[in-house]
Amino acid sequence: MTENEDDFDAEKAAQAAVGVLDKDWNERPRGMLSHDDRLFIVGMKDYEWQQSESNARRRVMDRIINGFDDFSLLRSLDQSEASKILAELGEDELHRRVSDLLTVVYQMTGRDTAALASMVESGVLHGENSELGGDAPSPSDVFGYDGGASNVDVSIQIDRKPDVEQIYERYKTDGERLTPKEIGVLVVEGMVGPEDLEDLRSSQ
């Protein structure tokens, strides 16, 4: 099996990964992914043979799946160990890494907000009714008997920025169908003026 690997270049790697990687991403010890896995997944490692590339993809997938499976084992950490991990990471880094995880999970589900909300609800409910390092919660704990939490509600609402160019194209072809909010967007962007607004009013 012959492999072609470019010389490591941190800047190139960051660009290949859309600028979201920490600067020492490929200098860290192995975690879920090996050194070669990281190079491959960001497009910096090529294989001469198609079968070798297919094997690499399968290997990375298996390691990611097994990595997800390991999360359930982390609940066996006792609180003192968890506190040390948090202290070493820092709250900002923990926030960033959990945010990265949620980003990937959200995209895996096809941007299904209901599915993501359900996962967060389940995780918080189990976390509220159990302790790190303890036994897994019993059904009575999970469902809130004996004073435990019985429900967690997570709502995800996404506000999207308006597509100004699309609104302007609709304005040019059929301005009468624009909503007041869409007209306001064009005004703020300086794409329509007082005379244009007067024309819209007279046509409605």
N, C-alpha and C. Protein backbone atom coordinates (compact mmCIF):
# COMPACT_ATOMS: atom_id res chain seq x y z
N MET A 1 0.85 -1.19 0.00
CA MET A 1 0.00 0.00 0.00
C MET A 1 0.88 1.24 0.00
N THR A 2 0.71 2.08 -1.00
CA THR A 2 1.50 3.30 -1.11
C THR A 2 0.67 4.48 -0.68
N GLU A 3 1.24 5.37 0.10
CA GLU A 3 0.53 6.53 0.60
C GLU A 3 1.29 7.79 0.22
N ASN A 4 0.55 8.82 -0.16
CA ASN A 4 1.16 10.11 -0.46
C ASN A 4 0.70 11.10 0.57
N GLU A 5 1.62 11.70 1.29
CA GLU A 5 1.27 12.64 2.34
C GLU A 5 2.06 13.93 2.17
N ASP A 6 1.33 15.06 2.07
CA ASP A 6 2.01 16.35 1.97
C ASP A 6 2.73 16.64 3.27
N ASP A 7 3.74 17.51 3.20
CA ASP A 7 4.38 17.96 4.42
C ASP A 7 3.35 18.67 5.28
N PHE A 8 3.42 18.45 6.57
CA PHE A 8 2.44 19.06 7.47
C PHE A 8 2.56 20.57 7.45
N ASP A 9 1.45 21.24 7.31
CA ASP A 9 1.38 22.70 7.29
C ASP A 9 0.16 23.10 8.09
N ALA A 10 0.37 23.71 9.26
CA ALA A 10 -0.74 24.02 10.15
C ALA A 10 -1.73 24.97 9.50
N GLU A 11 -1.21 25.96 8.76
CA GLU A 11 -2.12 26.93 8.12
C GLU A 11 -2.98 26.25 7.06
N LYS A 12 -2.37 25.40 6.26
CA LYS A 12 -3.11 24.68 5.23
C LYS A 12 -4.16 23.78 5.86
N ALA A 13 -3.79 23.13 6.96
CA ALA A 13 -4.72 22.25 7.64
C ALA A 13 -5.92 23.01 8.16
N ALA A 14 -5.66 24.17 8.74
CA ALA A 14 -6.75 24.97 9.28
C ALA A 14 -7.69 25.41 8.16
N GLN A 15 -7.12 25.78 7.01
CA GLN A 15 -7.96 26.18 5.88
C GLN A 15 -8.78 25.00 5.38
N ALA A 16 -8.16 23.83 5.33
CA ALA A 16 -8.88 22.65 4.87
C ALA A 16 -10.04 22.30 5.77
N ALA A 17 -9.92 22.63 7.04
CA ALA A 17 -10.98 22.32 7.99
C ALA A 17 -11.86 23.53 8.26
N VAL A 18 -11.90 24.47 7.33
CA VAL A 18 -12.75 25.67 7.39
C VAL A 18 -12.43 26.51 8.61
N GLY A 19 -11.17 26.45 9.04
CA GLY A 19 -10.73 27.37 10.09
C GLY A 19 -11.27 27.09 11.47
N VAL A 20 -11.80 25.89 11.73
CA VAL A 20 -12.40 25.65 13.03
C VAL A 20 -11.50 24.83 13.96
N LEU A 21 -10.31 24.47 13.51
CA LEU A 21 -9.46 23.60 14.31
C LEU A 21 -8.53 24.42 15.19
N ASP A 22 -8.24 23.89 16.38
CA ASP A 22 -7.25 24.54 17.23
C ASP A 22 -5.88 24.36 16.60
N LYS A 23 -4.97 25.27 16.91
CA LYS A 23 -3.69 25.32 16.21
C LYS A 23 -2.84 24.07 16.42
N ASP A 24 -3.05 23.34 17.52
CA ASP A 24 -2.23 22.15 17.78
C ASP A 24 -3.03 20.87 17.55
N TRP A 25 -4.03 20.95 16.66
CA TRP A 25 -4.94 19.83 16.48
C TRP A 25 -4.24 18.53 16.10
N ASN A 26 -3.13 18.62 15.36
CA ASN A 26 -2.47 17.39 14.94
C ASN A 26 -1.22 17.09 15.75
N GLU A 27 -0.98 17.87 16.80
CA GLU A 27 0.15 17.61 17.69
C GLU A 27 -0.31 16.92 18.97
N ARG A 28 -1.61 16.92 19.19
CA ARG A 28 -2.13 16.30 20.42
C ARG A 28 -1.96 14.78 20.37
N PRO A 29 -1.90 14.15 21.55
CA PRO A 29 -1.90 12.69 21.59
C PRO A 29 -3.18 12.14 20.97
N ARG A 30 -3.15 10.88 20.63
CA ARG A 30 -4.32 10.26 20.00
C ARG A 30 -5.52 10.30 20.93
N GLY A 31 -6.65 10.65 20.37
CA GLY A 31 -7.93 10.58 21.08
C GLY A 31 -8.82 9.61 20.32
N MET A 32 -9.98 10.10 19.89
CA MET A 32 -10.85 9.27 19.06
C MET A 32 -10.17 8.93 17.73
N LEU A 33 -9.41 9.89 17.21
CA LEU A 33 -8.75 9.72 15.91
C LEU A 33 -7.24 9.67 16.07
N SER A 34 -6.59 8.89 15.21
CA SER A 34 -5.13 8.83 15.19
C SER A 34 -4.58 10.00 14.38
N HIS A 35 -3.25 10.13 14.38
CA HIS A 35 -2.58 11.16 13.58
C HIS A 35 -2.99 11.05 12.11
N ASP A 36 -2.92 9.83 11.56
CA ASP A 36 -3.27 9.63 10.15
C ASP A 36 -4.75 9.89 9.90
N ASP A 37 -5.59 9.50 10.85
CA ASP A 37 -7.03 9.75 10.70
C ASP A 37 -7.31 11.25 10.57
N ARG A 38 -6.64 12.04 11.40
CA ARG A 38 -6.86 13.49 11.37
C ARG A 38 -6.43 14.08 10.03
N LEU A 39 -5.25 13.66 9.55
CA LEU A 39 -4.80 14.15 8.25
C LEU A 39 -5.77 13.76 7.15
N PHE A 40 -6.27 12.53 7.21
CA PHE A 40 -7.18 12.05 6.17
C PHE A 40 -8.50 12.79 6.19
N ILE A 41 -9.04 13.01 7.39
CA ILE A 41 -10.38 13.57 7.50
C ILE A 41 -10.43 15.04 7.07
N VAL A 42 -9.28 15.74 7.16
CA VAL A 42 -9.25 17.14 6.70
C VAL A 42 -8.68 17.27 5.29
N GLY A 43 -8.48 16.13 4.61
CA GLY A 43 -8.07 16.16 3.22
C GLY A 43 -6.60 16.36 2.98
N MET A 44 -5.76 16.04 3.96
CA MET A 44 -4.32 16.22 3.81
C MET A 44 -3.56 14.91 3.66
N LYS A 45 -4.29 13.82 3.55
CA LYS A 45 -3.63 12.52 3.35
C LYS A 45 -4.39 11.79 2.24
N ASP A 46 -3.67 11.41 1.19
CA ASP A 46 -4.26 10.71 0.07
C ASP A 46 -3.72 9.29 -0.01
N TYR A 47 -4.55 8.41 -0.57
CA TYR A 47 -4.13 7.03 -0.78
C TYR A 47 -4.10 6.75 -2.28
N GLU A 48 -3.08 6.03 -2.71
CA GLU A 48 -2.93 5.74 -4.14
C GLU A 48 -4.02 4.80 -4.62
N TRP A 49 -4.41 3.85 -3.76
CA TRP A 49 -5.38 2.84 -4.16
C TRP A 49 -6.75 3.15 -3.56
N GLN A 50 -7.79 2.98 -4.38
CA GLN A 50 -9.16 3.25 -3.94
C GLN A 50 -9.54 2.39 -2.73
N GLN A 51 -9.09 1.13 -2.73
CA GLN A 51 -9.43 0.25 -1.61
C GLN A 51 -8.81 0.75 -0.32
N SER A 52 -7.59 1.29 -0.41
CA SER A 52 -6.95 1.84 0.79
C SER A 52 -7.74 3.02 1.33
N GLU A 53 -8.25 3.86 0.44
CA GLU A 53 -9.06 5.00 0.88
C GLU A 53 -10.37 4.52 1.50
N SER A 54 -10.98 3.51 0.89
CA SER A 54 -12.22 2.96 1.44
C SER A 54 -11.99 2.38 2.83
N ASN A 55 -10.86 1.68 2.99
CA ASN A 55 -10.53 1.12 4.30
C ASN A 55 -10.33 2.23 5.33
N ALA A 56 -9.68 3.32 4.91
CA ALA A 56 -9.46 4.45 5.82
C ALA A 56 -10.78 5.07 6.25
N ARG A 57 -11.69 5.23 5.30
CA ARG A 57 -13.01 5.80 5.64
C ARG A 57 -13.74 4.90 6.63
N ARG A 58 -13.69 3.60 6.39
CA ARG A 58 -14.36 2.65 7.28
C ARG A 58 -13.73 2.69 8.67
N ARG A 59 -12.40 2.78 8.73
CA ARG A 59 -11.70 2.83 10.01
C ARG A 59 -12.09 4.08 10.80
N VAL A 60 -12.13 5.22 10.12
CA VAL A 60 -12.51 6.46 10.79
C VAL A 60 -13.95 6.37 11.29
N MET A 61 -14.85 5.85 10.47
CA MET A 61 -16.25 5.71 10.89
C MET A 61 -16.37 4.82 12.12
N ASP A 62 -15.66 3.69 12.11
CA ASP A 62 -15.72 2.77 13.25
C ASP A 62 -15.21 3.44 14.52
N ARG A 63 -14.13 4.19 14.40
CA ARG A 63 -13.56 4.84 15.59
C ARG A 63 -14.49 5.93 16.12
N ILE A 64 -15.16 6.63 15.23
CA ILE A 64 -16.11 7.65 15.68
C ILE A 64 -17.29 7.00 16.38
N ILE A 65 -17.81 5.92 15.79
CA ILE A 65 -18.93 5.21 16.42
C ILE A 65 -18.53 4.69 17.79
N ASN A 66 -17.34 4.08 17.89
CA ASN A 66 -16.86 3.57 19.18
C ASN A 66 -16.62 4.71 20.17
N GLY A 67 -16.19 5.87 19.64
CA GLY A 67 -16.00 7.03 20.50
C GLY A 67 -17.32 7.48 21.11
N PHE A 68 -18.38 7.49 20.30
CA PHE A 68 -19.70 7.83 20.84
C PHE A 68 -20.13 6.81 21.90
N ASP A 69 -19.84 5.53 21.63
CA ASP A 69 -20.20 4.49 22.61
C ASP A 69 -19.50 4.72 23.94
N ASP A 70 -18.29 5.25 23.90
CA ASP A 70 -17.52 5.46 25.14
C ASP A 70 -18.11 6.54 26.03
N PHE A 71 -18.95 7.42 25.47
CA PHE A 71 -19.52 8.48 26.29
C PHE A 71 -20.32 7.93 27.45
N SER A 72 -21.01 6.80 27.24
CA SER A 72 -21.79 6.23 28.34
C SER A 72 -20.89 5.78 29.48
N LEU A 73 -19.64 5.40 29.17
CA LEU A 73 -18.71 4.97 30.21
C LEU A 73 -18.23 6.15 31.05
N LEU A 74 -18.23 7.35 30.48
CA LEU A 74 -17.74 8.52 31.20
C LEU A 74 -18.60 8.85 32.41
N ARG A 75 -19.83 8.34 32.44
CA ARG A 75 -20.68 8.57 33.61
C ARG A 75 -20.16 7.83 34.83
N SER A 76 -19.19 6.92 34.62
CA SER A 76 -18.58 6.21 35.75
C SER A 76 -17.49 7.03 36.42
N LEU A 77 -17.08 8.15 35.81
CA LEU A 77 -16.12 9.05 36.47
C LEU A 77 -16.73 9.58 37.76
N ASP A 78 -15.91 9.65 38.81
CA ASP A 78 -16.46 10.28 40.02
C ASP A 78 -16.36 11.79 39.89
N GLN A 79 -17.06 12.49 40.78
CA GLN A 79 -17.17 13.93 40.65
C GLN A 79 -15.82 14.63 40.77
N SER A 80 -14.93 14.09 41.61
CA SER A 80 -13.62 14.73 41.76
C SER A 80 -12.82 14.66 40.47
N GLU A 81 -12.90 13.52 39.75
CA GLU A 81 -12.21 13.40 38.47
C GLU A 81 -12.81 14.35 37.44
N ALA A 82 -14.13 14.44 37.44
CA ALA A 82 -14.81 15.33 36.49
C ALA A 82 -14.42 16.78 36.76
N SER A 83 -14.31 17.13 38.03
CA SER A 83 -13.93 18.51 38.38
C SER A 83 -12.51 18.83 37.92
N LYS A 84 -11.61 17.85 38.03
CA LYS A 84 -10.23 18.06 37.57
C LYS A 84 -10.18 18.25 36.05
N ILE A 85 -11.00 17.47 35.34
CA ILE A 85 -11.05 17.60 33.88
C ILE A 85 -11.54 18.98 33.49
N LEU A 86 -12.60 19.43 34.16
CA LEU A 86 -13.14 20.76 33.88
C LEU A 86 -12.11 21.84 34.18
N ALA A 87 -11.39 21.68 35.29
CA ALA A 87 -10.38 22.68 35.66
C ALA A 87 -9.26 22.73 34.61
N GLU A 88 -8.88 21.57 34.08
CA GLU A 88 -7.81 21.54 33.08
C GLU A 88 -8.28 22.12 31.74
N LEU A 89 -9.51 21.78 31.36
CA LEU A 89 -10.04 22.30 30.11
C LEU A 89 -10.36 23.78 30.20
N GLY A 90 -11.01 24.17 31.29
CA GLY A 90 -11.53 25.53 31.40
C GLY A 90 -12.93 25.58 30.82
N GLU A 91 -13.77 26.44 31.37
CA GLU A 91 -15.16 26.48 30.93
C GLU A 91 -15.29 26.91 29.47
N ASP A 92 -14.44 27.84 29.03
CA ASP A 92 -14.52 28.29 27.64
C ASP A 92 -14.20 27.16 26.67
N GLU A 93 -13.16 26.38 26.97
CA GLU A 93 -12.79 25.27 26.10
C GLU A 93 -13.85 24.18 26.12
N LEU A 94 -14.41 23.91 27.30
CA LEU A 94 -15.48 22.92 27.39
C LEU A 94 -16.67 23.36 26.54
N HIS A 95 -17.01 24.63 26.63
CA HIS A 95 -18.12 25.17 25.84
C HIS A 95 -17.84 24.99 24.35
N ARG A 96 -16.62 25.30 23.93
CA ARG A 96 -16.28 25.19 22.50
C ARG A 96 -16.36 23.75 22.02
N ARG A 97 -15.86 22.82 22.82
CA ARG A 97 -15.80 21.43 22.37
C ARG A 97 -17.18 20.78 22.37
N VAL A 98 -17.99 21.10 23.39
CA VAL A 98 -19.36 20.58 23.39
C VAL A 98 -20.14 21.21 22.24
N SER A 99 -19.88 22.49 21.96
CA SER A 99 -20.52 23.15 20.82
C SER A 99 -20.15 22.46 19.51
N ASP A 100 -18.87 22.07 19.37
CA ASP A 100 -18.44 21.34 18.17
C ASP A 100 -19.20 20.02 18.06
N LEU A 101 -19.34 19.32 19.19
CA LEU A 101 -20.05 18.05 19.20
C LEU A 101 -21.51 18.24 18.77
N LEU A 102 -22.16 19.25 19.33
CA LEU A 102 -23.56 19.51 18.98
C LEU A 102 -23.70 19.89 17.51
N THR A 103 -22.70 20.63 17.00
CA THR A 103 -22.72 20.99 15.58
C THR A 103 -22.74 19.75 14.70
N VAL A 104 -21.85 18.80 15.01
CA VAL A 104 -21.76 17.58 14.22
C VAL A 104 -23.03 16.75 14.35
N VAL A 105 -23.53 16.59 15.57
CA VAL A 105 -24.75 15.80 15.78
C VAL A 105 -25.93 16.43 15.05
N TYR A 106 -26.04 17.75 15.14
CA TYR A 106 -27.13 18.47 14.47
C TYR A 106 -27.08 18.25 12.96
N GLN A 107 -25.87 18.30 12.39
CA GLN A 107 -25.74 18.09 10.95
C GLN A 107 -25.95 16.62 10.58
N MET A 108 -25.56 15.71 11.47
CA MET A 108 -25.80 14.28 11.23
C MET A 108 -27.29 13.98 11.11
N THR A 109 -28.11 14.69 11.90
CA THR A 109 -29.55 14.44 11.89
C THR A 109 -30.26 15.16 10.74
N GLY A 110 -29.49 15.80 9.86
CA GLY A 110 -30.11 16.55 8.78
C GLY A 110 -30.69 17.85 9.25
N ARG A 111 -30.06 18.45 10.29
CA ARG A 111 -30.52 19.71 10.89
C ARG A 111 -31.94 19.58 11.44
N ASP A 112 -32.17 18.47 12.12
CA ASP A 112 -33.47 18.21 12.75
C ASP A 112 -33.46 18.78 14.16
N THR A 113 -34.06 19.95 14.34
CA THR A 113 -34.03 20.62 15.65
C THR A 113 -34.79 19.83 16.70
N ALA A 114 -35.88 19.16 16.31
CA ALA A 114 -36.66 18.38 17.27
C ALA A 114 -35.83 17.21 17.80
N ALA A 115 -35.08 16.55 16.92
CA ALA A 115 -34.25 15.43 17.34
C ALA A 115 -33.15 15.90 18.28
N LEU A 116 -32.52 17.02 17.96
CA LEU A 116 -31.45 17.54 18.82
C LEU A 116 -32.02 17.95 20.18
N ALA A 117 -33.17 18.61 20.18
CA ALA A 117 -33.79 19.03 21.45
C ALA A 117 -34.11 17.81 22.30
N SER A 118 -34.60 16.74 21.67
CA SER A 118 -34.93 15.52 22.41
C SER A 118 -33.69 14.91 23.06
N MET A 119 -32.55 14.93 22.34
CA MET A 119 -31.31 14.40 22.90
C MET A 119 -30.86 15.21 24.11
N VAL A 120 -30.93 16.54 24.00
CA VAL A 120 -30.52 17.39 25.11
C VAL A 120 -31.45 17.19 26.30
N GLU A 121 -32.75 17.08 26.05
CA GLU A 121 -33.71 16.84 27.13
C GLU A 121 -33.39 15.55 27.87
N SER A 122 -33.15 14.47 27.10
CA SER A 122 -32.86 13.18 27.72
C SER A 122 -31.57 13.23 28.54
N GLY A 123 -30.54 13.88 27.99
CA GLY A 123 -29.27 13.97 28.71
C GLY A 123 -29.38 14.75 30.00
N VAL A 124 -30.09 15.89 29.95
CA VAL A 124 -30.25 16.70 31.16
C VAL A 124 -31.10 15.96 32.19
N LEU A 125 -32.15 15.26 31.73
CA LEU A 125 -33.00 14.52 32.66
C LEU A 125 -32.21 13.43 33.38
N HIS A 126 -31.41 12.67 32.64
CA HIS A 126 -30.60 11.63 33.27
C HIS A 126 -29.54 12.25 34.19
N GLY A 127 -28.95 13.38 33.77
CA GLY A 127 -27.95 14.03 34.60
C GLY A 127 -28.53 14.59 35.88
N GLU A 128 -29.76 15.06 35.82
CA GLU A 128 -30.42 15.62 37.00
C GLU A 128 -30.77 14.53 38.01
N ASN A 129 -31.04 13.33 37.53
CA ASN A 129 -31.50 12.26 38.40
C ASN A 129 -30.43 11.22 38.72
N SER A 130 -29.18 11.54 38.49
CA SER A 130 -28.09 10.62 38.83
C SER A 130 -26.86 11.42 39.19
N GLU A 131 -25.86 10.72 39.70
CA GLU A 131 -24.59 11.36 40.08
C GLU A 131 -23.46 10.68 39.32
N LEU A 132 -22.43 11.45 38.97
CA LEU A 132 -21.25 10.85 38.36
C LEU A 132 -20.63 9.85 39.31
N GLY A 133 -20.20 8.73 38.75
CA GLY A 133 -19.55 7.72 39.57
C GLY A 133 -20.51 6.80 40.30
N GLY A 134 -21.81 7.09 40.20
CA GLY A 134 -22.79 6.27 40.87
C GLY A 134 -23.38 5.23 39.93
N ASP A 135 -24.33 4.48 40.46
CA ASP A 135 -25.02 3.50 39.62
C ASP A 135 -25.90 4.22 38.61
N ALA A 136 -26.22 3.52 37.54
CA ALA A 136 -27.15 4.08 36.56
C ALA A 136 -28.48 4.35 37.23
N PRO A 137 -29.18 5.43 36.86
CA PRO A 137 -30.44 5.76 37.51
C PRO A 137 -31.49 4.69 37.27
N SER A 138 -32.30 4.46 38.29
CA SER A 138 -33.38 3.50 38.16
C SER A 138 -34.53 4.14 37.38
N PRO A 139 -35.48 3.33 36.88
CA PRO A 139 -36.63 3.92 36.18
C PRO A 139 -37.37 4.93 37.03
N SER A 140 -37.47 4.69 38.33
CA SER A 140 -38.19 5.64 39.18
C SER A 140 -37.44 6.97 39.25
N ASP A 141 -36.10 6.92 39.22
CA ASP A 141 -35.32 8.16 39.21
C ASP A 141 -35.54 8.92 37.90
N VAL A 142 -35.45 8.19 36.81
CA VAL A 142 -35.55 8.82 35.51
C VAL A 142 -36.91 9.45 35.29
N PHE A 143 -37.95 8.76 35.72
CA PHE A 143 -39.29 9.28 35.46
C PHE A 143 -39.82 10.15 36.58
N GLY A 144 -38.96 10.45 37.54
CA GLY A 144 -39.30 11.52 38.46
C GLY A 144 -40.07 11.14 39.69
N TYR A 145 -40.16 9.88 40.03
CA TYR A 145 -40.80 9.51 41.28
C TYR A 145 -39.85 9.83 42.43
N ASP A 146 -40.36 9.82 43.62
CA ASP A 146 -39.55 10.05 44.82
C ASP A 146 -38.81 11.39 44.76
N GLY A 147 -39.43 12.39 44.17
CA GLY A 147 -38.85 13.73 44.18
C GLY A 147 -37.86 14.03 43.09
N GLY A 148 -37.63 13.08 42.17
CA GLY A 148 -36.69 13.34 41.09
C GLY A 148 -37.31 14.21 40.01
N ALA A 149 -36.47 14.73 39.12
CA ALA A 149 -36.97 15.53 38.00
C ALA A 149 -37.80 14.64 37.08
N SER A 150 -38.93 15.14 36.63
CA SER A 150 -39.83 14.33 35.81
C SER A 150 -39.85 14.77 34.35
N ASN A 151 -39.39 15.98 34.07
CA ASN A 151 -39.46 16.45 32.70
C ASN A 151 -38.45 17.57 32.48
N VAL A 152 -37.90 17.60 31.29
CA VAL A 152 -37.01 18.68 30.87
C VAL A 152 -37.52 19.17 29.52
N ASP A 153 -37.66 20.45 29.38
CA ASP A 153 -38.18 21.01 28.12
C ASP A 153 -37.11 21.86 27.45
N VAL A 154 -36.76 21.50 26.24
CA VAL A 154 -35.79 22.25 25.45
C VAL A 154 -36.46 22.67 24.14
N SER A 155 -36.42 23.94 23.85
CA SER A 155 -37.00 24.45 22.62
C SER A 155 -35.91 25.14 21.80
N ILE A 156 -35.82 24.81 20.54
CA ILE A 156 -34.82 25.40 19.65
C ILE A 156 -35.53 26.21 18.57
N GLN A 157 -35.25 27.47 18.53
CA GLN A 157 -35.81 28.35 17.51
C GLN A 157 -34.67 28.99 16.73
N ILE A 158 -34.74 28.91 15.43
CA ILE A 158 -33.68 29.44 14.57
C ILE A 158 -34.20 30.66 13.82
N ASP A 159 -33.58 31.79 14.04
CA ASP A 159 -33.89 33.01 13.30
C ASP A 159 -32.88 33.15 12.17
N ARG A 160 -33.36 33.18 10.96
CA ARG A 160 -32.47 33.24 9.81
C ARG A 160 -32.38 34.66 9.25
N LYS A 161 -31.20 35.02 8.80
CA LYS A 161 -31.01 36.32 8.17
C LYS A 161 -31.73 36.33 6.82
N PRO A 162 -32.38 37.42 6.49
CA PRO A 162 -33.09 37.48 5.21
C PRO A 162 -32.13 37.45 4.03
N ASP A 163 -32.57 36.83 2.95
CA ASP A 163 -31.80 36.81 1.71
C ASP A 163 -32.14 38.09 0.95
N VAL A 164 -31.31 39.11 1.13
CA VAL A 164 -31.61 40.43 0.58
C VAL A 164 -31.71 40.40 -0.93
N GLU A 165 -30.79 39.69 -1.59
CA GLU A 165 -30.80 39.65 -3.05
C GLU A 165 -32.08 39.00 -3.57
N GLN A 166 -32.51 37.94 -2.90
CA GLN A 166 -33.74 37.26 -3.31
C GLN A 166 -34.95 38.16 -3.13
N ILE A 167 -35.00 38.88 -2.00
CA ILE A 167 -36.11 39.80 -1.75
C ILE A 167 -36.13 40.90 -2.81
N TYR A 168 -34.94 41.40 -3.16
CA TYR A 168 -34.87 42.48 -4.16
C TYR A 168 -35.33 41.98 -5.53
N GLU A 169 -34.98 40.76 -5.88
CA GLU A 169 -35.44 40.20 -7.16
C GLU A 169 -36.95 40.08 -7.16
N ARG A 170 -37.53 39.66 -6.06
CA ARG A 170 -39.00 39.58 -5.97
C ARG A 170 -39.62 40.96 -6.04
N TYR A 171 -38.94 41.94 -5.45
CA TYR A 171 -39.43 43.32 -5.50
C TYR A 171 -39.49 43.81 -6.95
N LYS A 172 -38.48 43.48 -7.73
CA LYS A 172 -38.43 43.95 -9.12
C LYS A 172 -39.48 43.26 -9.99
N THR A 173 -39.80 42.01 -9.66
CA THR A 173 -40.75 41.27 -10.49
C THR A 173 -42.18 41.36 -10.00
N ASP A 174 -42.35 41.43 -8.68
CA ASP A 174 -43.71 41.44 -8.12
C ASP A 174 -43.70 42.06 -6.74
N GLY A 175 -43.42 43.35 -6.69
CA GLY A 175 -43.27 44.04 -5.40
C GLY A 175 -44.51 44.01 -4.54
N GLU A 176 -45.69 43.85 -5.16
CA GLU A 176 -46.93 43.88 -4.39
C GLU A 176 -47.00 42.73 -3.39
N ARG A 177 -46.28 41.66 -3.63
CA ARG A 177 -46.36 40.48 -2.77
C ARG A 177 -45.36 40.51 -1.61
N LEU A 178 -44.58 41.54 -1.51
CA LEU A 178 -43.63 41.64 -0.40
C LEU A 178 -44.36 41.96 0.90
N THR A 179 -43.87 41.38 1.99
CA THR A 179 -44.42 41.69 3.30
C THR A 179 -43.82 43.00 3.80
N PRO A 180 -44.47 43.65 4.77
CA PRO A 180 -43.88 44.87 5.34
C PRO A 180 -42.47 44.65 5.87
N LYS A 181 -42.23 43.47 6.46
CA LYS A 181 -40.90 43.17 6.98
C LYS A 181 -39.87 43.11 5.86
N GLU A 182 -40.25 42.49 4.74
CA GLU A 182 -39.32 42.39 3.61
C GLU A 182 -39.04 43.76 3.00
N ILE A 183 -40.07 44.59 2.92
CA ILE A 183 -39.86 45.96 2.42
C ILE A 183 -38.91 46.71 3.35
N GLY A 184 -39.09 46.50 4.66
CA GLY A 184 -38.21 47.14 5.63
C GLY A 184 -36.77 46.73 5.45
N VAL A 185 -36.53 45.47 5.11
CA VAL A 185 -35.17 44.99 4.86
C VAL A 185 -34.54 45.75 3.70
N LEU A 186 -35.31 45.94 2.63
CA LEU A 186 -34.79 46.66 1.47
C LEU A 186 -34.52 48.12 1.79
N VAL A 187 -35.35 48.71 2.63
CA VAL A 187 -35.13 50.10 3.04
C VAL A 187 -33.83 50.22 3.83
N VAL A 188 -33.65 49.32 4.80
CA VAL A 188 -32.45 49.34 5.63
C VAL A 188 -31.20 49.15 4.78
N GLU A 189 -31.29 48.31 3.77
CA GLU A 189 -30.13 48.04 2.90
C GLU A 189 -29.93 49.13 1.86
N GLY A 190 -30.84 50.12 1.82
CA GLY A 190 -30.71 51.20 0.85
C GLY A 190 -31.04 50.80 -0.57
N MET A 191 -31.81 49.74 -0.73
CA MET A 191 -32.13 49.24 -2.07
C MET A 191 -33.44 49.80 -2.62
N VAL A 192 -34.23 50.44 -1.77
CA VAL A 192 -35.42 51.17 -2.22
C VAL A 192 -35.45 52.51 -1.50
N GLY A 193 -35.99 53.51 -2.17
CA GLY A 193 -36.06 54.84 -1.60
C GLY A 193 -37.49 55.31 -1.41
N PRO A 194 -37.69 56.57 -1.00
CA PRO A 194 -39.03 57.10 -0.76
C PRO A 194 -39.95 56.99 -1.96
N GLU A 195 -39.44 57.26 -3.17
CA GLU A 195 -40.29 57.17 -4.35
C GLU A 195 -40.74 55.74 -4.60
N ASP A 196 -39.84 54.79 -4.36
CA ASP A 196 -40.19 53.38 -4.53
C ASP A 196 -41.29 52.98 -3.55
N LEU A 197 -41.18 53.46 -2.32
CA LEU A 197 -42.19 53.14 -1.31
C LEU A 197 -43.54 53.72 -1.70
N GLU A 198 -43.52 54.93 -2.24
CA GLU A 198 -44.76 55.56 -2.67
C GLU A 198 -45.41 54.76 -3.79
N ASP A 199 -44.60 54.28 -4.72
CA ASP A 199 -45.13 53.45 -5.80
C ASP A 199 -45.76 52.17 -5.26
N LEU A 200 -45.12 51.57 -4.24
CA LEU A 200 -45.66 50.36 -3.64
C LEU A 200 -47.00 50.64 -2.98
N ARG A 201 -47.08 51.77 -2.27
CA ARG A 201 -48.33 52.12 -1.58
C ARG A 201 -49.46 52.33 -2.59
N SER A 202 -49.16 53.01 -3.66
CA SER A 202 -50.20 53.31 -4.65
C SER A 202 -50.67 52.08 -5.41
N SER A 203 -49.80 51.06 -5.47
CA SER A 203 -50.17 49.85 -6.20
C SER A 203 -50.94 48.86 -5.35
N GLN A 204 -50.99 49.10 -4.04
CA GLN A 204 -51.66 48.16 -3.14
C GLN A 204 -53.09 48.61 -2.84
